Amino acid sequence: MCLIIFAYRSHPDYQLILAANRDEFYDRPTLAAVFWEDAPELLAGRDLKAGGTWMGITKKGRFAAITNYRDSGMTIEDAPSRGALVKNFLIGKSNPYDYLESLQNKGQDYNGFNLILGDVNSLFYYSNRDGNIHNIEPGVHGLSNHLLNTPWPKVAQGTSRLHTLISQKEGF
């Protein structure tokens, strides 16, 4: 199960601190994070099956990450790849809010997902299961395979640990 724990505008030196784990089938081919030859501004892992990514950042500060939304009864067999949502934002030029607003009209075409994306000025969250665009407020947040900040044990434990870590004067 994927997990993203992050502190947004909660540390005096770093605007975004992030720890993430991506769970995927071992036989799904991927590449580790590198700058892409076909998109040299983009640092991200790459899904070799569908061509997208699950998380990345650009040299200009665009960031995006995605998790699946766990809902086994709502699977669309021929749904487009959710990794394209991350890739398309990162290599595109739309501002974060406009990108998510355009996605609201086609979000139902995809299997369940949670998407965090932004730039140096803002950070947003969107899930096609919730359907709303949320401005992420400063603080420590957690995302797994349900809505943002759902208090699943690993989300609660991860956010607590990150909060403790960034509260310490040493270590950063």
N, C-alpha and C. Protein backbone atom coordinates (compact mmCIF):
# COMPACT_ATOMS: atom_id res chain seq x y z
N MET A 1 0.83 -1.18 0.00
CA MET A 1 0.00 0.00 0.00
C MET A 1 0.88 1.24 0.00
N CYS A 2 0.64 2.17 -0.90
CA CYS A 2 1.44 3.38 -1.02
C CYS A 2 1.24 4.29 0.18
N LEU A 3 2.26 5.08 0.46
CA LEU A 3 2.21 6.01 1.58
C LEU A 3 3.03 7.24 1.24
N ILE A 4 2.45 8.41 1.45
CA ILE A 4 3.14 9.68 1.29
C ILE A 4 2.92 10.47 2.57
N ILE A 5 4.00 10.79 3.24
CA ILE A 5 3.95 11.63 4.44
C ILE A 5 4.72 12.90 4.09
N PHE A 6 4.13 14.06 4.36
CA PHE A 6 4.83 15.28 3.99
C PHE A 6 4.52 16.44 4.93
N ALA A 7 5.51 17.31 5.04
CA ALA A 7 5.36 18.55 5.80
C ALA A 7 5.40 19.69 4.79
N TYR A 8 4.36 20.49 4.79
CA TYR A 8 4.24 21.59 3.84
C TYR A 8 4.29 22.91 4.60
N ARG A 9 5.28 23.72 4.26
CA ARG A 9 5.47 25.03 4.89
C ARG A 9 5.44 24.94 6.42
N SER A 10 6.13 23.93 6.94
CA SER A 10 6.15 23.68 8.38
C SER A 10 7.55 23.71 8.96
N HIS A 11 8.53 24.03 8.16
CA HIS A 11 9.92 24.08 8.59
C HIS A 11 10.52 25.38 8.08
N PRO A 12 11.34 26.06 8.88
CA PRO A 12 11.86 27.36 8.45
C PRO A 12 12.79 27.31 7.23
N ASP A 13 13.40 26.15 6.96
CA ASP A 13 14.35 26.06 5.86
C ASP A 13 13.84 25.34 4.62
N TYR A 14 12.78 24.57 4.76
CA TYR A 14 12.31 23.74 3.65
C TYR A 14 10.80 23.91 3.48
N GLN A 15 10.39 24.25 2.27
CA GLN A 15 8.97 24.43 2.00
C GLN A 15 8.22 23.10 1.97
N LEU A 16 8.89 22.05 1.48
CA LEU A 16 8.26 20.74 1.38
C LEU A 16 9.26 19.66 1.79
N ILE A 17 8.88 18.87 2.77
CA ILE A 17 9.65 17.71 3.20
C ILE A 17 8.75 16.51 2.97
N LEU A 18 9.27 15.49 2.30
CA LEU A 18 8.42 14.39 1.89
C LEU A 18 9.13 13.05 2.08
N ALA A 19 8.37 12.08 2.55
CA ALA A 19 8.82 10.69 2.60
C ALA A 19 7.72 9.86 1.96
N ALA A 20 8.11 8.94 1.09
CA ALA A 20 7.09 8.18 0.36
C ALA A 20 7.55 6.75 0.13
N ASN A 21 6.57 5.89 0.02
CA ASN A 21 6.79 4.49 -0.31
C ASN A 21 5.78 4.13 -1.39
N ARG A 22 6.27 3.53 -2.45
CA ARG A 22 5.39 3.11 -3.53
C ARG A 22 5.33 1.60 -3.54
N ASP A 23 4.16 1.06 -3.39
CA ASP A 23 3.98 -0.38 -3.48
C ASP A 23 3.42 -0.71 -4.85
N GLU A 24 4.04 -1.64 -5.49
CA GLU A 24 3.61 -2.02 -6.83
C GLU A 24 3.94 -3.50 -7.01
N PHE A 25 3.32 -4.11 -7.97
CA PHE A 25 3.65 -5.49 -8.28
C PHE A 25 5.11 -5.57 -8.71
N TYR A 26 5.83 -6.55 -8.19
CA TYR A 26 7.25 -6.68 -8.50
C TYR A 26 7.52 -6.87 -9.99
N ASP A 27 6.58 -7.45 -10.70
CA ASP A 27 6.82 -7.71 -12.12
C ASP A 27 6.48 -6.51 -13.01
N ARG A 28 6.04 -5.40 -12.43
CA ARG A 28 5.78 -4.21 -13.24
C ARG A 28 7.10 -3.49 -13.47
N PRO A 29 7.51 -3.34 -14.72
CA PRO A 29 8.82 -2.74 -15.00
C PRO A 29 8.84 -1.24 -14.75
N THR A 30 9.88 -0.79 -14.06
CA THR A 30 10.04 0.62 -13.75
C THR A 30 11.52 1.01 -13.83
N LEU A 31 11.76 2.29 -13.88
CA LEU A 31 13.10 2.84 -13.75
C LEU A 31 13.15 3.72 -12.52
N ALA A 32 14.27 3.73 -11.84
CA ALA A 32 14.47 4.60 -10.68
C ALA A 32 14.47 6.06 -11.13
N ALA A 33 14.35 6.96 -10.17
CA ALA A 33 14.30 8.39 -10.48
C ALA A 33 15.60 8.87 -11.12
N VAL A 34 15.45 9.47 -12.27
CA VAL A 34 16.53 10.11 -13.02
C VAL A 34 15.91 11.27 -13.81
N PHE A 35 16.76 12.16 -14.33
CA PHE A 35 16.25 13.16 -15.25
C PHE A 35 15.94 12.46 -16.58
N TRP A 36 14.76 12.68 -17.10
CA TRP A 36 14.31 12.00 -18.31
C TRP A 36 14.99 12.59 -19.55
N GLU A 37 15.42 11.72 -20.45
CA GLU A 37 16.02 12.19 -21.70
C GLU A 37 15.03 12.98 -22.54
N ASP A 38 13.77 12.56 -22.56
CA ASP A 38 12.77 13.24 -23.37
C ASP A 38 12.09 14.40 -22.65
N ALA A 39 12.44 14.61 -21.39
CA ALA A 39 11.92 15.75 -20.61
C ALA A 39 13.02 16.11 -19.59
N PRO A 40 14.10 16.78 -20.04
CA PRO A 40 15.28 16.98 -19.20
C PRO A 40 15.06 17.80 -17.93
N GLU A 41 13.95 18.50 -17.83
CA GLU A 41 13.64 19.26 -16.61
C GLU A 41 13.05 18.38 -15.52
N LEU A 42 12.63 17.16 -15.87
CA LEU A 42 11.86 16.29 -14.99
C LEU A 42 12.74 15.23 -14.33
N LEU A 43 12.70 15.19 -13.00
CA LEU A 43 13.34 14.15 -12.21
C LEU A 43 12.23 13.27 -11.65
N ALA A 44 12.20 12.00 -12.08
CA ALA A 44 11.12 11.11 -11.66
C ALA A 44 11.49 9.67 -11.98
N GLY A 45 10.83 8.76 -11.29
CA GLY A 45 10.87 7.36 -11.69
C GLY A 45 10.01 7.23 -12.94
N ARG A 46 10.09 6.07 -13.56
CA ARG A 46 9.29 5.91 -14.77
C ARG A 46 8.67 4.52 -14.82
N ASP A 47 7.39 4.51 -15.11
CA ASP A 47 6.65 3.27 -15.31
C ASP A 47 6.88 2.84 -16.75
N LEU A 48 7.62 1.75 -16.93
CA LEU A 48 7.95 1.31 -18.28
C LEU A 48 6.78 0.63 -18.99
N LYS A 49 5.76 0.26 -18.24
CA LYS A 49 4.58 -0.36 -18.85
C LYS A 49 3.69 0.68 -19.52
N ALA A 50 3.42 1.79 -18.82
CA ALA A 50 2.49 2.79 -19.35
C ALA A 50 3.14 4.13 -19.67
N GLY A 51 4.40 4.34 -19.25
CA GLY A 51 5.12 5.56 -19.61
C GLY A 51 4.98 6.73 -18.67
N GLY A 52 4.17 6.61 -17.64
CA GLY A 52 3.99 7.71 -16.70
C GLY A 52 4.93 7.59 -15.51
N THR A 53 4.54 8.24 -14.42
CA THR A 53 5.30 8.18 -13.18
C THR A 53 4.37 8.32 -12.00
N TRP A 54 4.84 7.94 -10.85
CA TRP A 54 4.06 8.03 -9.62
C TRP A 54 4.45 9.24 -8.79
N MET A 55 5.64 9.82 -9.06
CA MET A 55 6.06 11.00 -8.33
C MET A 55 7.23 11.64 -9.07
N GLY A 56 7.24 12.97 -9.08
CA GLY A 56 8.35 13.66 -9.72
C GLY A 56 8.37 15.13 -9.37
N ILE A 57 9.48 15.75 -9.76
CA ILE A 57 9.68 17.18 -9.53
C ILE A 57 10.45 17.73 -10.72
N THR A 58 10.22 18.99 -11.03
CA THR A 58 10.96 19.62 -12.12
C THR A 58 11.96 20.62 -11.57
N LYS A 59 12.89 21.03 -12.40
CA LYS A 59 13.89 22.02 -12.00
C LYS A 59 13.26 23.36 -11.66
N LYS A 60 12.06 23.60 -12.14
CA LYS A 60 11.36 24.86 -11.85
C LYS A 60 10.44 24.76 -10.63
N GLY A 61 10.43 23.60 -9.97
CA GLY A 61 9.68 23.45 -8.74
C GLY A 61 8.27 22.90 -8.87
N ARG A 62 7.92 22.36 -10.01
CA ARG A 62 6.62 21.68 -10.13
C ARG A 62 6.77 20.30 -9.50
N PHE A 63 5.78 19.90 -8.72
CA PHE A 63 5.83 18.63 -8.00
C PHE A 63 4.49 17.93 -8.16
N ALA A 64 4.53 16.61 -8.28
CA ALA A 64 3.29 15.83 -8.31
C ALA A 64 3.56 14.42 -7.81
N ALA A 65 2.56 13.85 -7.14
CA ALA A 65 2.63 12.46 -6.66
C ALA A 65 1.22 11.90 -6.65
N ILE A 66 1.12 10.59 -6.85
CA ILE A 66 -0.19 9.95 -6.92
C ILE A 66 -0.17 8.66 -6.12
N THR A 67 -1.31 8.34 -5.52
CA THR A 67 -1.52 7.02 -4.93
C THR A 67 -2.83 6.48 -5.51
N ASN A 68 -2.95 5.18 -5.50
CA ASN A 68 -4.21 4.55 -5.85
C ASN A 68 -5.20 4.75 -4.71
N TYR A 69 -6.46 4.76 -5.01
CA TYR A 69 -7.51 4.78 -4.00
C TYR A 69 -8.04 3.36 -3.92
N ARG A 70 -7.95 2.76 -2.75
CA ARG A 70 -8.34 1.36 -2.61
C ARG A 70 -9.86 1.24 -2.56
N ASP A 71 -10.40 0.62 -3.59
CA ASP A 71 -11.84 0.41 -3.71
C ASP A 71 -12.04 -0.69 -4.74
N SER A 72 -11.89 -1.93 -4.31
CA SER A 72 -11.86 -3.05 -5.24
C SER A 72 -13.14 -3.21 -6.05
N GLY A 73 -14.26 -2.71 -5.58
CA GLY A 73 -15.51 -2.86 -6.31
C GLY A 73 -15.70 -1.86 -7.43
N MET A 74 -14.77 -0.93 -7.59
CA MET A 74 -14.92 0.14 -8.57
C MET A 74 -13.81 0.14 -9.62
N THR A 75 -13.35 -1.02 -10.04
CA THR A 75 -12.25 -1.10 -10.99
C THR A 75 -12.77 -1.01 -12.42
N ILE A 76 -12.14 -0.15 -13.20
CA ILE A 76 -12.43 0.00 -14.63
C ILE A 76 -11.33 -0.74 -15.37
N GLU A 77 -11.68 -1.78 -16.10
CA GLU A 77 -10.69 -2.65 -16.74
C GLU A 77 -9.78 -1.93 -17.74
N ASP A 78 -10.31 -1.09 -18.59
CA ASP A 78 -9.51 -0.44 -19.62
C ASP A 78 -9.25 1.04 -19.32
N ALA A 79 -9.16 1.37 -18.04
CA ALA A 79 -8.96 2.77 -17.65
C ALA A 79 -7.58 3.26 -18.08
N PRO A 80 -7.47 4.55 -18.39
CA PRO A 80 -6.14 5.08 -18.73
C PRO A 80 -5.21 5.04 -17.51
N SER A 81 -3.92 5.11 -17.77
CA SER A 81 -2.92 5.06 -16.71
C SER A 81 -2.98 6.32 -15.84
N ARG A 82 -3.01 6.13 -14.54
CA ARG A 82 -3.01 7.26 -13.62
C ARG A 82 -1.66 7.96 -13.58
N GLY A 83 -0.61 7.23 -13.92
CA GLY A 83 0.73 7.83 -13.96
C GLY A 83 0.86 8.92 -15.00
N ALA A 84 0.01 8.89 -16.01
CA ALA A 84 0.01 9.95 -17.01
C ALA A 84 -0.46 11.27 -16.41
N LEU A 85 -1.31 11.21 -15.39
CA LEU A 85 -1.78 12.43 -14.74
C LEU A 85 -0.62 13.19 -14.11
N VAL A 86 0.29 12.46 -13.48
CA VAL A 86 1.47 13.07 -12.86
C VAL A 86 2.40 13.60 -13.95
N LYS A 87 2.72 12.76 -14.90
CA LYS A 87 3.64 13.15 -15.98
C LYS A 87 3.11 14.37 -16.74
N ASN A 88 1.84 14.37 -17.10
CA ASN A 88 1.29 15.46 -17.90
C ASN A 88 1.32 16.79 -17.16
N PHE A 89 1.09 16.76 -15.86
CA PHE A 89 1.22 18.02 -15.10
C PHE A 89 2.67 18.48 -15.08
N LEU A 90 3.58 17.56 -14.80
CA LEU A 90 4.98 17.94 -14.64
C LEU A 90 5.61 18.47 -15.91
N ILE A 91 5.25 17.92 -17.05
CA ILE A 91 5.83 18.40 -18.31
C ILE A 91 4.99 19.50 -18.95
N GLY A 92 3.81 19.76 -18.38
CA GLY A 92 2.91 20.77 -18.94
C GLY A 92 3.20 22.17 -18.41
N LYS A 93 2.35 23.08 -18.80
CA LYS A 93 2.52 24.49 -18.43
C LYS A 93 1.35 25.04 -17.63
N SER A 94 0.28 24.25 -17.46
CA SER A 94 -0.89 24.73 -16.72
C SER A 94 -0.53 24.99 -15.26
N ASN A 95 -1.16 26.01 -14.69
CA ASN A 95 -0.95 26.18 -13.25
C ASN A 95 -1.67 25.04 -12.54
N PRO A 96 -1.27 24.74 -11.30
CA PRO A 96 -1.81 23.56 -10.61
C PRO A 96 -3.34 23.54 -10.51
N TYR A 97 -3.93 24.65 -10.14
CA TYR A 97 -5.39 24.67 -9.97
C TYR A 97 -6.10 24.43 -11.31
N ASP A 98 -5.66 25.10 -12.35
CA ASP A 98 -6.28 24.92 -13.66
C ASP A 98 -6.14 23.48 -14.15
N TYR A 99 -4.99 22.86 -13.89
CA TYR A 99 -4.79 21.47 -14.30
C TYR A 99 -5.81 20.58 -13.60
N LEU A 100 -5.96 20.76 -12.30
CA LEU A 100 -6.91 19.93 -11.56
C LEU A 100 -8.35 20.23 -11.96
N GLU A 101 -8.64 21.47 -12.24
CA GLU A 101 -10.00 21.82 -12.68
C GLU A 101 -10.33 21.12 -14.00
N SER A 102 -9.37 21.06 -14.90
CA SER A 102 -9.63 20.36 -16.17
C SER A 102 -9.75 18.86 -15.95
N LEU A 103 -9.10 18.34 -14.93
CA LEU A 103 -9.16 16.92 -14.62
C LEU A 103 -10.51 16.52 -14.00
N GLN A 104 -11.17 17.44 -13.34
CA GLN A 104 -12.46 17.12 -12.72
C GLN A 104 -13.47 16.58 -13.72
N ASN A 105 -13.40 17.03 -14.95
CA ASN A 105 -14.36 16.60 -15.97
C ASN A 105 -14.09 15.19 -16.49
N LYS A 106 -12.87 14.69 -16.29
CA LYS A 106 -12.55 13.36 -16.81
C LYS A 106 -12.03 12.41 -15.73
N GLY A 107 -12.04 12.83 -14.47
CA GLY A 107 -11.54 12.01 -13.38
C GLY A 107 -12.24 10.67 -13.24
N GLN A 108 -13.52 10.63 -13.58
CA GLN A 108 -14.29 9.39 -13.46
C GLN A 108 -13.86 8.33 -14.47
N ASP A 109 -13.05 8.71 -15.47
CA ASP A 109 -12.57 7.77 -16.46
C ASP A 109 -11.45 6.87 -15.92
N TYR A 110 -10.87 7.27 -14.80
CA TYR A 110 -9.72 6.58 -14.22
C TYR A 110 -10.15 5.72 -13.05
N ASN A 111 -9.37 4.70 -12.75
CA ASN A 111 -9.54 4.00 -11.48
C ASN A 111 -9.21 4.97 -10.36
N GLY A 112 -9.63 4.65 -9.16
CA GLY A 112 -9.50 5.56 -8.03
C GLY A 112 -8.07 6.04 -7.81
N PHE A 113 -7.95 7.34 -7.54
CA PHE A 113 -6.63 7.91 -7.29
C PHE A 113 -6.71 9.11 -6.36
N ASN A 114 -5.56 9.41 -5.78
CA ASN A 114 -5.32 10.61 -4.99
C ASN A 114 -4.13 11.30 -5.62
N LEU A 115 -4.26 12.59 -5.89
CA LEU A 115 -3.21 13.33 -6.58
C LEU A 115 -2.84 14.57 -5.77
N ILE A 116 -1.56 14.70 -5.49
CA ILE A 116 -1.02 15.90 -4.87
C ILE A 116 -0.16 16.57 -5.92
N LEU A 117 -0.37 17.85 -6.15
CA LEU A 117 0.49 18.55 -7.09
C LEU A 117 0.53 20.03 -6.79
N GLY A 118 1.60 20.65 -7.26
CA GLY A 118 1.76 22.07 -7.04
C GLY A 118 3.03 22.59 -7.64
N ASP A 119 3.32 23.83 -7.23
CA ASP A 119 4.55 24.48 -7.67
C ASP A 119 5.11 25.24 -6.48
N VAL A 120 6.03 26.14 -6.71
CA VAL A 120 6.66 26.84 -5.58
C VAL A 120 5.69 27.77 -4.84
N ASN A 121 4.54 28.04 -5.42
CA ASN A 121 3.58 28.95 -4.79
C ASN A 121 2.40 28.27 -4.11
N SER A 122 2.09 27.03 -4.49
CA SER A 122 0.87 26.41 -3.97
C SER A 122 0.96 24.89 -4.06
N LEU A 123 0.12 24.23 -3.26
CA LEU A 123 0.05 22.78 -3.27
C LEU A 123 -1.41 22.38 -3.12
N PHE A 124 -1.86 21.43 -3.96
CA PHE A 124 -3.26 21.03 -3.98
C PHE A 124 -3.39 19.52 -3.88
N TYR A 125 -4.59 19.10 -3.50
CA TYR A 125 -4.94 17.69 -3.42
C TYR A 125 -6.26 17.49 -4.15
N TYR A 126 -6.33 16.40 -4.91
CA TYR A 126 -7.56 16.04 -5.61
C TYR A 126 -7.67 14.52 -5.63
N SER A 127 -8.84 14.01 -5.33
CA SER A 127 -9.15 12.60 -5.48
C SER A 127 -10.37 12.48 -6.36
N ASN A 128 -10.34 11.54 -7.29
CA ASN A 128 -11.53 11.36 -8.11
C ASN A 128 -12.63 10.64 -7.34
N ARG A 129 -12.38 10.25 -6.13
CA ARG A 129 -13.43 9.67 -5.28
C ARG A 129 -14.12 10.75 -4.45
N ASP A 130 -13.44 11.81 -4.16
CA ASP A 130 -14.01 12.96 -3.45
C ASP A 130 -14.54 13.98 -4.46
N GLY A 131 -13.79 14.18 -5.54
CA GLY A 131 -14.22 15.05 -6.62
C GLY A 131 -13.97 16.53 -6.43
N ASN A 132 -13.37 16.92 -5.30
CA ASN A 132 -13.14 18.33 -5.02
C ASN A 132 -11.65 18.65 -5.02
N ILE A 133 -11.32 19.87 -5.41
CA ILE A 133 -9.95 20.35 -5.35
C ILE A 133 -9.75 21.00 -3.99
N HIS A 134 -8.71 20.58 -3.29
CA HIS A 134 -8.43 21.11 -1.95
C HIS A 134 -7.08 21.80 -1.94
N ASN A 135 -7.04 23.03 -1.45
CA ASN A 135 -5.79 23.72 -1.21
C ASN A 135 -5.16 23.09 0.03
N ILE A 136 -3.91 22.66 -0.04
CA ILE A 136 -3.26 22.05 1.11
C ILE A 136 -2.72 23.15 2.00
N GLU A 137 -3.15 23.13 3.24
CA GLU A 137 -2.72 24.11 4.22
C GLU A 137 -1.38 23.72 4.81
N PRO A 138 -0.61 24.68 5.32
CA PRO A 138 0.64 24.33 5.99
C PRO A 138 0.39 23.33 7.12
N GLY A 139 1.32 22.38 7.25
CA GLY A 139 1.20 21.37 8.30
C GLY A 139 1.80 20.06 7.82
N VAL A 140 1.67 19.06 8.66
CA VAL A 140 2.14 17.72 8.35
C VAL A 140 0.93 16.90 7.92
N HIS A 141 1.03 16.24 6.80
CA HIS A 141 -0.08 15.51 6.20
C HIS A 141 0.33 14.10 5.81
N GLY A 142 -0.67 13.24 5.66
CA GLY A 142 -0.41 11.88 5.23
C GLY A 142 -1.44 11.41 4.23
N LEU A 143 -0.98 10.60 3.28
CA LEU A 143 -1.85 10.08 2.24
C LEU A 143 -1.48 8.64 1.98
N SER A 144 -2.47 7.79 1.98
CA SER A 144 -2.26 6.39 1.62
C SER A 144 -3.25 6.08 0.51
N ASN A 145 -4.03 5.04 0.66
CA ASN A 145 -4.95 4.62 -0.39
C ASN A 145 -6.39 4.96 -0.06
N HIS A 146 -6.56 6.06 0.65
CA HIS A 146 -7.87 6.63 0.96
C HIS A 146 -7.68 8.14 0.90
N LEU A 147 -8.61 8.93 1.34
CA LEU A 147 -8.52 10.38 1.24
C LEU A 147 -7.40 10.95 2.10
N LEU A 148 -6.94 12.15 1.74
CA LEU A 148 -5.86 12.83 2.46
C LEU A 148 -6.18 12.92 3.95
N ASN A 149 -5.20 12.58 4.75
CA ASN A 149 -5.26 12.62 6.22
C ASN A 149 -6.25 11.65 6.84
N THR A 150 -6.64 10.62 6.10
CA THR A 150 -7.45 9.56 6.71
C THR A 150 -6.59 8.91 7.80
N PRO A 151 -7.08 8.81 9.01
CA PRO A 151 -6.23 8.38 10.13
C PRO A 151 -5.97 6.88 10.21
N TRP A 152 -5.56 6.28 9.10
CA TRP A 152 -5.14 4.89 9.14
C TRP A 152 -3.90 4.81 10.02
N PRO A 153 -3.65 3.70 10.69
CA PRO A 153 -2.52 3.61 11.62
C PRO A 153 -1.19 4.04 11.01
N LYS A 154 -0.86 3.59 9.82
CA LYS A 154 0.44 3.97 9.26
C LYS A 154 0.50 5.45 8.89
N VAL A 155 -0.62 6.05 8.52
CA VAL A 155 -0.65 7.48 8.24
C VAL A 155 -0.47 8.26 9.54
N ALA A 156 -1.19 7.87 10.58
CA ALA A 156 -1.08 8.55 11.87
C ALA A 156 0.33 8.42 12.45
N GLN A 157 0.89 7.22 12.37
CA GLN A 157 2.24 7.00 12.89
C GLN A 157 3.27 7.79 12.07
N GLY A 158 3.14 7.78 10.77
CA GLY A 158 4.09 8.50 9.92
C GLY A 158 4.03 10.00 10.10
N THR A 159 2.85 10.57 10.18
CA THR A 159 2.74 12.02 10.38
C THR A 159 3.25 12.42 11.76
N SER A 160 2.99 11.59 12.76
CA SER A 160 3.50 11.87 14.10
C SER A 160 5.03 11.87 14.12
N ARG A 161 5.61 10.89 13.49
CA ARG A 161 7.08 10.80 13.45
C ARG A 161 7.70 11.95 12.67
N LEU A 162 7.10 12.32 11.55
CA LEU A 162 7.64 13.44 10.78
C LEU A 162 7.51 14.74 11.56
N HIS A 163 6.39 14.94 12.21
CA HIS A 163 6.20 16.14 13.03
C HIS A 163 7.27 16.22 14.10
N THR A 164 7.54 15.12 14.76
CA THR A 164 8.57 15.09 15.79
C THR A 164 9.94 15.40 15.20
N LEU A 165 10.24 14.81 14.06
CA LEU A 165 11.54 15.00 13.42
C LEU A 165 11.76 16.45 13.02
N ILE A 166 10.79 17.09 12.40
CA ILE A 166 11.00 18.47 11.95
C ILE A 166 10.94 19.46 13.10
N SER A 167 10.43 19.03 14.25
CA SER A 167 10.40 19.90 15.44
C SER A 167 11.76 19.96 16.11
N GLN A 168 12.61 18.98 15.84
CA GLN A 168 13.95 18.97 16.43
C GLN A 168 14.85 19.96 15.73
N LYS A 169 15.73 20.58 16.46
CA LYS A 169 16.65 21.56 15.88
C LYS A 169 17.72 20.90 15.03
N GLU A 170 18.16 19.70 15.42
CA GLU A 170 19.21 19.01 14.69
C GLU A 170 18.60 17.95 13.78
N GLY A 171 19.33 17.54 12.78
CA GLY A 171 18.87 16.48 11.90
C GLY A 171 18.44 16.98 10.54
N PHE A 172 18.23 18.25 10.41
CA PHE A 172 17.91 18.83 9.10
C PHE A 172 19.03 19.76 8.77
